[in-house]
Amino acid sequence: MQEPYYNYIGRMYKMTDAINKASRSIWVTFRKEGVHMYPGADSDPKLATGDWDDVSFLGVAHRHIFHFRVRIEVFHNDRDIEFIQFKRWLERLYSEQGTTDGEVLNLNHRSCEMIADELYEKISARYPGRFVEIDVAEDGENGCSIFYPKNT
């Protein structure tokens, strides 16, 4: 049985309305070798427990492969931000600053959350008025995910 015309038009209107109101974004991923530490982890009794939950080793500089996933709002479907260019720009941020010994990031005391916040500052300066979501993980295993709403 054929769908009645007015039902079809109503259904198409709702679908078009949903498409027009959709929240759009792109995302990219990249990795960067880095060294950081957690100052005080080797002396804070909550961290240096001497038991199964001891993480005192975090108090010394240690290496990770930091995994980044960056999502940013776009306003239309035709490469509002071209994601390969966006990824390359993000990667260049980490190859032009804070690097030593063959492009290894020296992150000092910065946590994944601090790294995400610093990256957001650069992204929002270049692409204002968009929501951004940033994931930063140590070795693709543990990390943070921070959603930054639109800045106006």
C-alpha atoms as a PDB file:
ATOM      1  CA  MET A   1       0.000   0.000   0.000  1.00  0.00           C
ATOM      2  CA  GLN A   2       1.309   3.414  -0.950  1.00  0.00           C
ATOM      3  CA  GLU A   3       1.931   5.978   1.772  1.00  0.00           C
ATOM      4  CA  PRO A   4      -0.577   8.848   1.699  1.00  0.00           C
ATOM      5  CA  TYR A   5       0.859  12.020   0.188  1.00  0.00           C
ATOM      6  CA  TYR A   6       0.434  14.189   3.322  1.00  0.00           C
ATOM      7  CA  ASN A   7       2.098  11.544   5.509  1.00  0.00           C
ATOM      8  CA  TYR A   8       5.027  11.415   3.082  1.00  0.00           C
ATOM      9  CA  ILE A   9       5.387  15.223   3.027  1.00  0.00           C
ATOM     10  CA  GLY A  10       5.200  15.365   6.834  1.00  0.00           C
ATOM     11  CA  ARG A  11       7.827  12.647   7.191  1.00  0.00           C
ATOM     12  CA  MET A  12      10.149  14.356   4.686  1.00  0.00           C
ATOM     13  CA  TYR A  13       9.695  17.721   6.434  1.00  0.00           C
ATOM     14  CA  LYS A  14      10.674  16.195   9.794  1.00  0.00           C
ATOM     15  CA  MET A  15      13.719  14.508   8.255  1.00  0.00           C
ATOM     16  CA  THR A  16      14.835  17.708   6.515  1.00  0.00           C
ATOM     17  CA  ASP A  17      14.303  19.661   9.731  1.00  0.00           C
ATOM     18  CA  ALA A  18      16.435  17.165  11.661  1.00  0.00           C
ATOM     19  CA  ILE A  19      19.200  17.365   9.040  1.00  0.00           C
ATOM     20  CA  ASN A  20      19.150  21.175   9.102  1.00  0.00           C
ATOM     21  CA  LYS A  21      19.327  21.254  12.928  1.00  0.00           C
ATOM     22  CA  ALA A  22      22.038  18.589  13.222  1.00  0.00           C
ATOM     23  CA  SER A  23      25.186  19.388  15.149  1.00  0.00           C
ATOM     24  CA  ARG A  24      28.156  18.835  12.820  1.00  0.00           C
ATOM     25  CA  SER A  25      31.774  18.214  13.629  1.00  0.00           C
ATOM     26  CA  ILE A  26      34.953  16.673  12.301  1.00  0.00           C
ATOM     27  CA  TRP A  27      37.634  14.875  14.272  1.00  0.00           C
ATOM     28  CA  VAL A  28      41.269  13.976  13.783  1.00  0.00           C
ATOM     29  CA  THR A  29      43.753  11.838  15.654  1.00  0.00           C
ATOM     30  CA  PHE A  30      47.509  12.010  16.010  1.00  0.00           C
ATOM     31  CA  ARG A  31      50.238  10.788  18.340  1.00  0.00           C
ATOM     32  CA  LYS A  32      53.278  12.413  19.823  1.00  0.00           C
ATOM     33  CA  GLU A  33      56.069  11.046  21.981  1.00  0.00           C
ATOM     34  CA  GLY A  34      56.511  12.981  25.201  1.00  0.00           C
ATOM     35  CA  VAL A  35      58.092  12.963  28.626  1.00  0.00           C
ATOM     36  CA  HIS A  36      56.384  14.250  31.749  1.00  0.00           C
ATOM     37  CA  MET A  37      56.165  13.700  35.493  1.00  0.00           C
ATOM     38  CA  TYR A  38      53.820  14.136  38.431  1.00  0.00           C
ATOM     39  CA  PRO A  39      55.708  16.270  40.972  1.00  0.00           C
ATOM     40  CA  GLY A  40      55.282  14.971  44.485  1.00  0.00           C
ATOM     41  CA  ALA A  41      53.988  11.545  43.475  1.00  0.00           C
ATOM     42  CA  ASP A  42      57.136  10.022  44.974  1.00  0.00           C
ATOM     43  CA  SER A  43      56.545  11.626  48.388  1.00  0.00           C
ATOM     44  CA  ASP A  44      52.761  12.109  48.774  1.00  0.00           C
ATOM     45  CA  PRO A  45      51.507   9.310  51.048  1.00  0.00           C
ATOM     46  CA  LYS A  46      48.278   9.046  49.041  1.00  0.00           C
ATOM     47  CA  LEU A  47      50.359   8.184  45.958  1.00  0.00           C
ATOM     48  CA  ALA A  48      53.538   6.626  47.368  1.00  0.00           C
ATOM     49  CA  THR A  49      51.698   3.985  49.371  1.00  0.00           C
ATOM     50  CA  GLY A  50      54.236   1.167  49.124  1.00  0.00           C
ATOM     51  CA  ASP A  51      51.319  -1.147  48.338  1.00  0.00           C
ATOM     52  CA  TRP A  52      49.417  -2.369  45.236  1.00  0.00           C
ATOM     53  CA  ASP A  53      48.219   1.184  44.499  1.00  0.00           C
ATOM     54  CA  ASP A  54      51.680   2.792  44.715  1.00  0.00           C
ATOM     55  CA  VAL A  55      52.330   5.213  41.843  1.00  0.00           C
ATOM     56  CA  SER A  56      55.448   6.867  43.220  1.00  0.00           C
ATOM     57  CA  PHE A  57      57.217   6.167  39.900  1.00  0.00           C
ATOM     58  CA  LEU A  58      55.145   8.975  38.391  1.00  0.00           C
ATOM     59  CA  GLY A  59      57.295  11.420  40.347  1.00  0.00           C
ATOM     60  CA  VAL A  60      60.210  10.863  37.967  1.00  0.00           C
ATOM     61  CA  ALA A  61      60.236  11.894  34.337  1.00  0.00           C
ATOM     62  CA  HIS A  62      58.821   9.094  32.205  1.00  0.00           C
ATOM     63  CA  ARG A  63      57.945   8.580  28.549  1.00  0.00           C
ATOM     64  CA  HIS A  64      54.585   8.077  26.869  1.00  0.00           C
ATOM     65  CA  ILE A  65      53.152   8.110  23.414  1.00  0.00           C
ATOM     66  CA  PHE A  66      50.397  10.695  23.851  1.00  0.00           C
ATOM     67  CA  HIS A  67      47.323   9.944  21.754  1.00  0.00           C
ATOM     68  CA  PHE A  68      45.214  12.938  20.745  1.00  0.00           C
ATOM     69  CA  ARG A  69      41.688  12.982  19.367  1.00  0.00           C
ATOM     70  CA  VAL A  70      40.377  16.452  18.569  1.00  0.00           C
ATOM     71  CA  ARG A  71      36.797  17.110  17.532  1.00  0.00           C
ATOM     72  CA  ILE A  72      35.662  20.546  16.339  1.00  0.00           C
ATOM     73  CA  GLU A  73      32.342  21.964  15.205  1.00  0.00           C
ATOM     74  CA  VAL A  74      31.798  22.692  11.527  1.00  0.00           C
ATOM     75  CA  PHE A  75      28.919  24.655  10.049  1.00  0.00           C
ATOM     76  CA  HIS A  76      28.352  22.920   6.714  1.00  0.00           C
ATOM     77  CA  ASN A  77      29.128  19.671   4.913  1.00  0.00           C
ATOM     78  CA  ASP A  78      31.645  20.898   2.355  1.00  0.00           C
ATOM     79  CA  ARG A  79      34.984  21.087   4.187  1.00  0.00           C
ATOM     80  CA  ASP A  80      34.280  24.017   6.451  1.00  0.00           C
ATOM     81  CA  ILE A  81      37.532  22.849   8.063  1.00  0.00           C
ATOM     82  CA  GLU A  82      39.440  20.401   5.895  1.00  0.00           C
ATOM     83  CA  PHE A  83      40.421  17.680   8.339  1.00  0.00           C
ATOM     84  CA  ILE A  84      43.776  16.744   6.808  1.00  0.00           C
ATOM     85  CA  GLN A  85      44.868  20.398   6.996  1.00  0.00           C
ATOM     86  CA  PHE A  86      43.502  20.624  10.543  1.00  0.00           C
ATOM     87  CA  LYS A  87      45.455  17.519  11.587  1.00  0.00           C
ATOM     88  CA  ARG A  88      48.661  18.810  10.000  1.00  0.00           C
ATOM     89  CA  TRP A  89      48.268  22.160  11.762  1.00  0.00           C
ATOM     90  CA  LEU A  90      47.780  20.408  15.116  1.00  0.00           C
ATOM     91  CA  GLU A  91      50.838  18.221  14.561  1.00  0.00           C
ATOM     92  CA  ARG A  92      52.920  21.292  13.674  1.00  0.00           C
ATOM     93  CA  LEU A  93      51.967  22.891  16.993  1.00  0.00           C
ATOM     94  CA  TYR A  94      53.931  20.123  18.681  1.00  0.00           C
ATOM     95  CA  SER A  95      56.848  20.057  16.265  1.00  0.00           C
ATOM     96  CA  GLU A  96      57.529  23.795  16.468  1.00  0.00           C
ATOM     97  CA  GLN A  97      57.584  24.225  20.233  1.00  0.00           C
ATOM     98  CA  GLY A  98      58.592  22.405  23.355  1.00  0.00           C
ATOM     99  CA  THR A  99      60.560  19.740  21.539  1.00  0.00           C
ATOM    100  CA  THR A 100      63.991  18.391  22.341  1.00  0.00           C
ATOM    101  CA  ASP A 101      66.026  15.334  21.414  1.00  0.00           C
ATOM    102  CA  GLY A 102      64.474  14.316  18.128  1.00  0.00           C
ATOM    103  CA  GLU A 103      61.072  15.890  18.508  1.00  0.00           C
ATOM    104  CA  VAL A 104      60.191  14.415  21.920  1.00  0.00           C
ATOM    105  CA  LEU A 105      57.846  16.733  23.784  1.00  0.00           C
ATOM    106  CA  ASN A 106      59.084  17.889  27.154  1.00  0.00           C
ATOM    107  CA  LEU A 107      55.818  18.330  29.023  1.00  0.00           C
ATOM    108  CA  ASN A 108      57.347  18.814  32.492  1.00  0.00           C
ATOM    109  CA  HIS A 109      54.601  18.483  35.099  1.00  0.00           C
ATOM    110  CA  ARG A 110      51.621  18.779  32.718  1.00  0.00           C
ATOM    111  CA  SER A 111      48.791  16.280  33.039  1.00  0.00           C
ATOM    112  CA  CYS A 112      46.628  15.140  30.144  1.00  0.00           C
ATOM    113  CA  GLU A 113      44.022  17.688  31.262  1.00  0.00           C
ATOM    114  CA  MET A 114      46.576  20.514  31.222  1.00  0.00           C
ATOM    115  CA  ILE A 115      47.774  19.467  27.765  1.00  0.00           C
ATOM    116  CA  ALA A 116      44.167  19.498  26.503  1.00  0.00           C
ATOM    117  CA  ASP A 117      43.520  22.968  27.961  1.00  0.00           C
ATOM    118  CA  GLU A 118      46.659  24.401  26.341  1.00  0.00           C
ATOM    119  CA  LEU A 119      45.714  22.880  23.004  1.00  0.00           C
ATOM    120  CA  TYR A 120      42.177  24.269  23.291  1.00  0.00           C
ATOM    121  CA  GLU A 121      43.548  27.794  23.743  1.00  0.00           C
ATOM    122  CA  LYS A 122      45.346  27.529  20.401  1.00  0.00           C
ATOM    123  CA  ILE A 123      42.394  25.948  18.587  1.00  0.00           C
ATOM    124  CA  SER A 124      39.861  28.483  19.871  1.00  0.00           C
ATOM    125  CA  ALA A 125      42.120  31.383  18.866  1.00  0.00           C
ATOM    126  CA  ARG A 126      42.297  30.073  15.305  1.00  0.00           C
ATOM    127  CA  TYR A 127      38.697  28.782  15.082  1.00  0.00           C
ATOM    128  CA  PRO A 128      36.552  30.917  17.423  1.00  0.00           C
ATOM    129  CA  GLY A 129      32.859  30.321  18.076  1.00  0.00           C
ATOM    130  CA  ARG A 130      32.940  26.517  17.807  1.00  0.00           C
ATOM    131  CA  PHE A 131      32.624  23.707  20.287  1.00  0.00           C
ATOM    132  CA  VAL A 132      35.734  21.590  20.676  1.00  0.00           C
ATOM    133  CA  GLU A 133      36.292  18.240  22.319  1.00  0.00           C
ATOM    134  CA  ILE A 134      39.804  17.025  23.110  1.00  0.00           C
ATOM    135  CA  ASP A 135      40.928  13.597  24.283  1.00  0.00           C
ATOM    136  CA  VAL A 136      44.515  13.123  25.431  1.00  0.00           C
ATOM    137  CA  ALA A 137      45.647   9.657  26.469  1.00  0.00           C
ATOM    138  CA  GLU A 138      48.901   8.221  27.727  1.00  0.00           C
ATOM    139  CA  ASP A 139      49.830   5.320  25.434  1.00  0.00           C
ATOM    140  CA  GLY A 140      46.202   5.107  24.246  1.00  0.00           C
ATOM    141  CA  GLU A 141      45.343   3.578  27.599  1.00  0.00           C
ATOM    142  CA  ASN A 142      44.397   6.216  30.198  1.00  0.00           C
ATOM    143  CA  GLY A 143      43.594   9.841  29.656  1.00  0.00           C
ATOM    144  CA  CYS A 144      41.082  12.652  29.661  1.00  0.00           C
ATOM    145  CA  SER A 145      38.224  13.857  27.542  1.00  0.00           C
ATOM    146  CA  ILE A 146      37.224  17.515  27.821  1.00  0.00           C
ATOM    147  CA  PHE A 147      34.302  19.158  26.025  1.00  0.00           C
ATOM    148  CA  TYR A 148      34.645  22.914  25.515  1.00  0.00           C
ATOM    149  CA  PRO A 149      31.364  24.611  24.579  1.00  0.00           C
ATOM    150  CA  LYS A 150      31.225  27.378  22.007  1.00  0.00           C
ATOM    151  CA  ASN A 151      33.148  30.467  22.993  1.00  0.00           C
ATOM    152  CA  THR A 152      31.451  33.675  21.976  1.00  0.00           C
END
